């Protein structure tokens, strides 16, 4: 349901931007750092929205990659801890269950 909400909001946002852009078709002067030029306002609006989406997507992808890397390291640390706990409690590594280890740690504390 959460994914559908995002899609619906994205479509509504896209329609609002499209209507806004189509209404504003007059040519405008665009000033850059190195010069100026004329372009239809519809292109300026659509280009600005597109660049905003690209920048947001790039930041999101970077964040997802960072979180996946962090998750991989955490899983590796967890597997090392479970093997270490199995050795401390004299349990074979095939029989290690995370719930049992947590119970044993709670009773020790």
C-alpha atoms as a PDB file:
ATOM      1  CA  UNK A   1       0.000   0.000   0.000  1.00  0.00           C
ATOM      2  CA  UNK A   2       2.865   2.359   0.790  1.00  0.00           C
ATOM      3  CA  UNK A   3       4.334   1.926  -2.706  1.00  0.00           C
ATOM      4  CA  UNK A   4       0.986   2.670  -4.332  1.00  0.00           C
ATOM      5  CA  UNK A   5       0.680   5.880  -2.333  1.00  0.00           C
ATOM      6  CA  UNK A   6       4.052   7.077  -3.622  1.00  0.00           C
ATOM      7  CA  UNK A   7       3.093   6.251  -7.205  1.00  0.00           C
ATOM      8  CA  UNK A   8      -0.228   8.065  -6.909  1.00  0.00           C
ATOM      9  CA  UNK A   9       1.452  11.122  -5.398  1.00  0.00           C
ATOM     10  CA  UNK A  10       4.113  11.081  -8.129  1.00  0.00           C
ATOM     11  CA  UNK A  11       1.472  10.939 -10.864  1.00  0.00           C
ATOM     12  CA  UNK A  12      -0.518  13.790  -9.274  1.00  0.00           C
ATOM     13  CA  UNK A  13       2.667  15.843  -8.933  1.00  0.00           C
ATOM     14  CA  UNK A  14       3.600  15.136 -12.577  1.00  0.00           C
ATOM     15  CA  UNK A  15       0.160  16.189 -13.810  1.00  0.00           C
ATOM     16  CA  UNK A  16       0.303  19.432 -11.804  1.00  0.00           C
ATOM     17  CA  UNK A  17       3.752  20.226 -13.225  1.00  0.00           C
ATOM     18  CA  UNK A  18       2.640  19.383 -16.767  1.00  0.00           C
ATOM     19  CA  UNK A  19      -0.422  21.638 -16.535  1.00  0.00           C
ATOM     20  CA  UNK A  20       1.660  24.428 -15.009  1.00  0.00           C
ATOM     21  CA  UNK A  21       4.296  24.084 -17.745  1.00  0.00           C
ATOM     22  CA  UNK A  22       1.764  24.012 -20.598  1.00  0.00           C
ATOM     23  CA  UNK A  23       0.088  27.183 -19.308  1.00  0.00           C
ATOM     24  CA  UNK A  24       3.461  29.032 -19.268  1.00  0.00           C
ATOM     25  CA  UNK A  25       4.723  28.877 -22.858  1.00  0.00           C
ATOM     26  CA  UNK A  26       5.964  32.450 -23.245  1.00  0.00           C
ATOM     27  CA  UNK A  27       9.638  32.926 -24.150  1.00  0.00           C
ATOM     28  CA  UNK A  28      11.813  34.162 -21.283  1.00  0.00           C
ATOM     29  CA  UNK A  29      15.391  35.295 -20.901  1.00  0.00           C
ATOM     30  CA  UNK A  30      17.535  32.830 -18.988  1.00  0.00           C
ATOM     31  CA  UNK A  31      20.699  34.193 -17.367  1.00  0.00           C
ATOM     32  CA  UNK A  32      23.603  31.793 -16.921  1.00  0.00           C
ATOM     33  CA  UNK A  33      26.920  32.529 -15.256  1.00  0.00           C
ATOM     34  CA  UNK A  34      28.613  32.806 -18.641  1.00  0.00           C
ATOM     35  CA  UNK A  35      25.837  34.422 -20.688  1.00  0.00           C
ATOM     36  CA  UNK A  36      22.152  34.721 -21.369  1.00  0.00           C
ATOM     37  CA  UNK A  37      19.691  33.191 -23.778  1.00  0.00           C
ATOM     38  CA  UNK A  38      16.039  32.962 -24.648  1.00  0.00           C
ATOM     39  CA  UNK A  39      13.978  29.813 -24.136  1.00  0.00           C
ATOM     40  CA  UNK A  40      10.317  28.964 -23.779  1.00  0.00           C
ATOM     41  CA  UNK A  41       9.282  28.941 -20.125  1.00  0.00           C
ATOM     42  CA  UNK A  42       7.844  25.443 -20.554  1.00  0.00           C
ATOM     43  CA  UNK A  43      11.347  24.111 -21.290  1.00  0.00           C
ATOM     44  CA  UNK A  44      12.846  25.963 -18.326  1.00  0.00           C
ATOM     45  CA  UNK A  45      10.199  24.499 -15.998  1.00  0.00           C
ATOM     46  CA  UNK A  46      10.515  20.953 -17.343  1.00  0.00           C
ATOM     47  CA  UNK A  47      14.328  21.087 -17.303  1.00  0.00           C
ATOM     48  CA  UNK A  48      14.313  22.325 -13.703  1.00  0.00           C
ATOM     49  CA  UNK A  49      11.967  19.539 -12.605  1.00  0.00           C
ATOM     50  CA  UNK A  50      14.047  16.958 -14.479  1.00  0.00           C
ATOM     51  CA  UNK A  51      17.284  18.145 -12.874  1.00  0.00           C
ATOM     52  CA  UNK A  52      15.649  18.071  -9.441  1.00  0.00           C
ATOM     53  CA  UNK A  53      14.527  14.484 -10.030  1.00  0.00           C
ATOM     54  CA  UNK A  54      17.982  13.425 -11.256  1.00  0.00           C
ATOM     55  CA  UNK A  55      19.739  14.989  -8.258  1.00  0.00           C
ATOM     56  CA  UNK A  56      17.248  13.424  -5.838  1.00  0.00           C
ATOM     57  CA  UNK A  57      17.647  10.008  -7.474  1.00  0.00           C
ATOM     58  CA  UNK A  58      21.450  10.251  -7.360  1.00  0.00           C
ATOM     59  CA  UNK A  59      21.439  11.097  -3.658  1.00  0.00           C
ATOM     60  CA  UNK A  60      18.945   8.291  -2.974  1.00  0.00           C
ATOM     61  CA  UNK A  61      21.028   5.728  -4.852  1.00  0.00           C
ATOM     62  CA  UNK A  62      24.156   6.796  -2.963  1.00  0.00           C
ATOM     63  CA  UNK A  63      22.285   6.452   0.345  1.00  0.00           C
ATOM     64  CA  UNK A  64      20.920   3.002  -0.578  1.00  0.00           C
ATOM     65  CA  UNK A  65      24.392   1.777  -1.563  1.00  0.00           C
ATOM     66  CA  UNK A  66      25.804   3.057   1.737  1.00  0.00           C
ATOM     67  CA  UNK A  67      23.064   1.321   3.743  1.00  0.00           C
ATOM     68  CA  UNK A  68      23.533  -1.958   1.831  1.00  0.00           C
ATOM     69  CA  UNK A  69      27.260  -1.862   2.538  1.00  0.00           C
ATOM     70  CA  UNK A  70      26.579  -1.168   6.223  1.00  0.00           C
ATOM     71  CA  UNK A  71      24.057  -4.036   6.348  1.00  0.00           C
ATOM     72  CA  UNK A  72      26.599  -6.423   4.830  1.00  0.00           C
ATOM     73  CA  UNK A  73      29.216  -5.475   7.453  1.00  0.00           C
ATOM     74  CA  UNK A  74      26.670  -5.824  10.254  1.00  0.00           C
ATOM     75  CA  UNK A  75      25.584  -9.278   9.041  1.00  0.00           C
ATOM     76  CA  UNK A  76      29.224 -10.349   8.912  1.00  0.00           C
ATOM     77  CA  UNK A  77      29.796  -9.095  12.467  1.00  0.00           C
ATOM     78  CA  UNK A  78      26.651 -10.898  13.622  1.00  0.00           C
ATOM     79  CA  UNK A  79      27.766 -14.176  12.095  1.00  0.00           C
ATOM     80  CA  UNK A  80      31.154 -13.786  13.802  1.00  0.00           C
ATOM     81  CA  UNK A  81      29.445 -13.102  17.125  1.00  0.00           C
ATOM     82  CA  UNK A  82      27.151 -16.118  16.842  1.00  0.00           C
ATOM     83  CA  UNK A  83      30.110 -18.400  16.177  1.00  0.00           C
ATOM     84  CA  UNK A  84      31.996 -16.869  19.118  1.00  0.00           C
ATOM     85  CA  UNK A  85      28.964 -17.300  21.381  1.00  0.00           C
ATOM     86  CA  UNK A  86      28.631 -20.906  20.251  1.00  0.00           C
ATOM     87  CA  UNK A  87      32.214 -21.546  21.352  1.00  0.00           C
ATOM     88  CA  UNK A  88      31.673 -19.840  24.716  1.00  0.00           C
ATOM     89  CA  UNK A  89      28.554 -21.843  25.480  1.00  0.00           C
ATOM     90  CA  UNK A  90      29.997 -25.095  24.066  1.00  0.00           C
ATOM     91  CA  UNK A  91      27.340 -25.426  21.371  1.00  0.00           C
ATOM     92  CA  UNK A  92      28.136 -26.709  17.894  1.00  0.00           C
ATOM     93  CA  UNK A  93      27.908 -24.027  15.229  1.00  0.00           C
ATOM     94  CA  UNK A  94      25.222 -26.018  13.354  1.00  0.00           C
ATOM     95  CA  UNK A  95      22.906 -25.762  16.375  1.00  0.00           C
ATOM     96  CA  UNK A  96      23.405 -22.047  16.976  1.00  0.00           C
ATOM     97  CA  UNK A  97      20.128 -20.216  17.106  1.00  0.00           C
ATOM     98  CA  UNK A  98      20.013 -16.481  17.633  1.00  0.00           C
ATOM     99  CA  UNK A  99      17.061 -16.710  20.020  1.00  0.00           C
ATOM    100  CA  UNK A 100      18.902 -19.211  22.233  1.00  0.00           C
ATOM    101  CA  UNK A 101      21.966 -16.994  22.353  1.00  0.00           C
ATOM    102  CA  UNK A 102      19.875 -13.986  23.317  1.00  0.00           C
ATOM    103  CA  UNK A 103      18.198 -16.002  26.079  1.00  0.00           C
ATOM    104  CA  UNK A 104      21.570 -17.128  27.416  1.00  0.00           C
ATOM    105  CA  UNK A 105      22.924 -13.574  27.311  1.00  0.00           C
ATOM    106  CA  UNK A 106      19.850 -12.307  29.189  1.00  0.00           C
ATOM    107  CA  UNK A 107      20.279 -14.937  31.926  1.00  0.00           C
ATOM    108  CA  UNK A 108      24.000 -14.166  32.284  1.00  0.00           C
ATOM    109  CA  UNK A 109      23.308 -10.449  32.764  1.00  0.00           C
END
